[in-house]
Amino acid sequence: MKCSFCNKEIEKGTGKMFVHLSGKIDYFCSRKCEKNKLKLKRNPKNFKWTRKK
């Protein structure tokens, strides 16, 4: 599976899964990606360190 923010491949048994109340599932490779998407509500297209979707 891939990170929902940076689109980096996540190894099996690592990372974090976040389930929204609507049922949508987001996967994160690090706390950095999780915070940028959920708390700061940033767009990954605006950062050079993310892989463009």
C-alpha atoms as a PDB file:
ATOM      1  CA  MET A   1       0.000   0.000   0.000  1.00  0.00           C
ATOM      2  CA  LYS A   2       1.042   3.638  -0.434  1.00  0.00           C
ATOM      3  CA  CYS A   3       1.035   6.640   1.881  1.00  0.00           C
ATOM      4  CA  SER A   4      -2.027   8.850   1.385  1.00  0.00           C
ATOM      5  CA  PHE A   5       0.080  12.018   1.593  1.00  0.00           C
ATOM      6  CA  CYS A   6       3.508  11.446   0.030  1.00  0.00           C
ATOM      7  CA  ASN A   7       2.609   8.393  -2.105  1.00  0.00           C
ATOM      8  CA  LYS A   8       5.634   6.483  -0.757  1.00  0.00           C
ATOM      9  CA  GLU A   9       5.409   2.689  -0.596  1.00  0.00           C
ATOM     10  CA  ILE A  10       4.748   1.426   2.967  1.00  0.00           C
ATOM     11  CA  GLU A  11       6.292  -1.872   4.043  1.00  0.00           C
ATOM     12  CA  LYS A  12       3.931  -4.480   5.430  1.00  0.00           C
ATOM     13  CA  GLY A  13       3.617  -4.250   9.222  1.00  0.00           C
ATOM     14  CA  THR A  14       4.659  -0.588   9.393  1.00  0.00           C
ATOM     15  CA  GLY A  15       2.888   2.752   9.121  1.00  0.00           C
ATOM     16  CA  LYS A  16      -0.472   3.839  10.446  1.00  0.00           C
ATOM     17  CA  MET A  17      -4.046   3.498   9.210  1.00  0.00           C
ATOM     18  CA  PHE A  18      -6.582   6.271   9.919  1.00  0.00           C
ATOM     19  CA  VAL A  19     -10.312   5.669   9.401  1.00  0.00           C
ATOM     20  CA  HIS A  20     -12.532   8.735   8.976  1.00  0.00           C
ATOM     21  CA  LEU A  21     -16.112   8.811  10.272  1.00  0.00           C
ATOM     22  CA  SER A  22     -17.270   8.644   6.658  1.00  0.00           C
ATOM     23  CA  GLY A  23     -15.477   5.303   6.240  1.00  0.00           C
ATOM     24  CA  LYS A  24     -12.608   6.613   4.085  1.00  0.00           C
ATOM     25  CA  ILE A  25      -9.263   5.026   4.970  1.00  0.00           C
ATOM     26  CA  ASP A  26      -5.933   6.884   4.880  1.00  0.00           C
ATOM     27  CA  TYR A  27      -2.545   5.199   5.260  1.00  0.00           C
ATOM     28  CA  PHE A  28       0.509   7.091   6.519  1.00  0.00           C
ATOM     29  CA  CYS A  29       4.195   6.155   6.421  1.00  0.00           C
ATOM     30  CA  SER A  30       5.226   8.649   9.128  1.00  0.00           C
ATOM     31  CA  ARG A  31       3.939  11.084  11.706  1.00  0.00           C
ATOM     32  CA  LYS A  32       5.131  13.891   9.417  1.00  0.00           C
ATOM     33  CA  CYS A  33       2.721  12.844   6.653  1.00  0.00           C
ATOM     34  CA  GLU A  34      -0.124  12.252   9.106  1.00  0.00           C
ATOM     35  CA  LYS A  35       0.217  15.705  10.668  1.00  0.00           C
ATOM     36  CA  ASN A  36       0.519  17.491   7.312  1.00  0.00           C
ATOM     37  CA  LYS A  37      -2.683  15.931   5.972  1.00  0.00           C
ATOM     38  CA  LEU A  38      -4.955  15.680   9.018  1.00  0.00           C
ATOM     39  CA  LYS A  39      -3.985  18.545  11.330  1.00  0.00           C
ATOM     40  CA  LEU A  40      -2.501  21.117   8.952  1.00  0.00           C
ATOM     41  CA  LYS A  41      -4.715  20.142   5.961  1.00  0.00           C
ATOM     42  CA  ARG A  42      -1.927  20.682   3.446  1.00  0.00           C
ATOM     43  CA  ASN A  43      -1.944  19.732  -0.222  1.00  0.00           C
ATOM     44  CA  PRO A  44       0.870  17.270  -1.135  1.00  0.00           C
ATOM     45  CA  LYS A  45       1.278  18.850  -4.589  1.00  0.00           C
ATOM     46  CA  ASN A  46       2.836  21.932  -2.975  1.00  0.00           C
ATOM     47  CA  PHE A  47       5.843  20.068  -1.508  1.00  0.00           C
ATOM     48  CA  LYS A  48       8.989  18.920  -3.307  1.00  0.00           C
ATOM     49  CA  TRP A  49       9.567  15.965  -0.946  1.00  0.00           C
ATOM     50  CA  THR A  50       6.260  14.298  -1.918  1.00  0.00           C
ATOM     51  CA  ARG A  51       5.784  12.239  -5.050  1.00  0.00           C
ATOM     52  CA  LYS A  52       3.302  14.007  -7.288  1.00  0.00           C
ATOM     53  CA  LYS A  53       0.005  12.187  -7.788  1.00  0.00           C
END
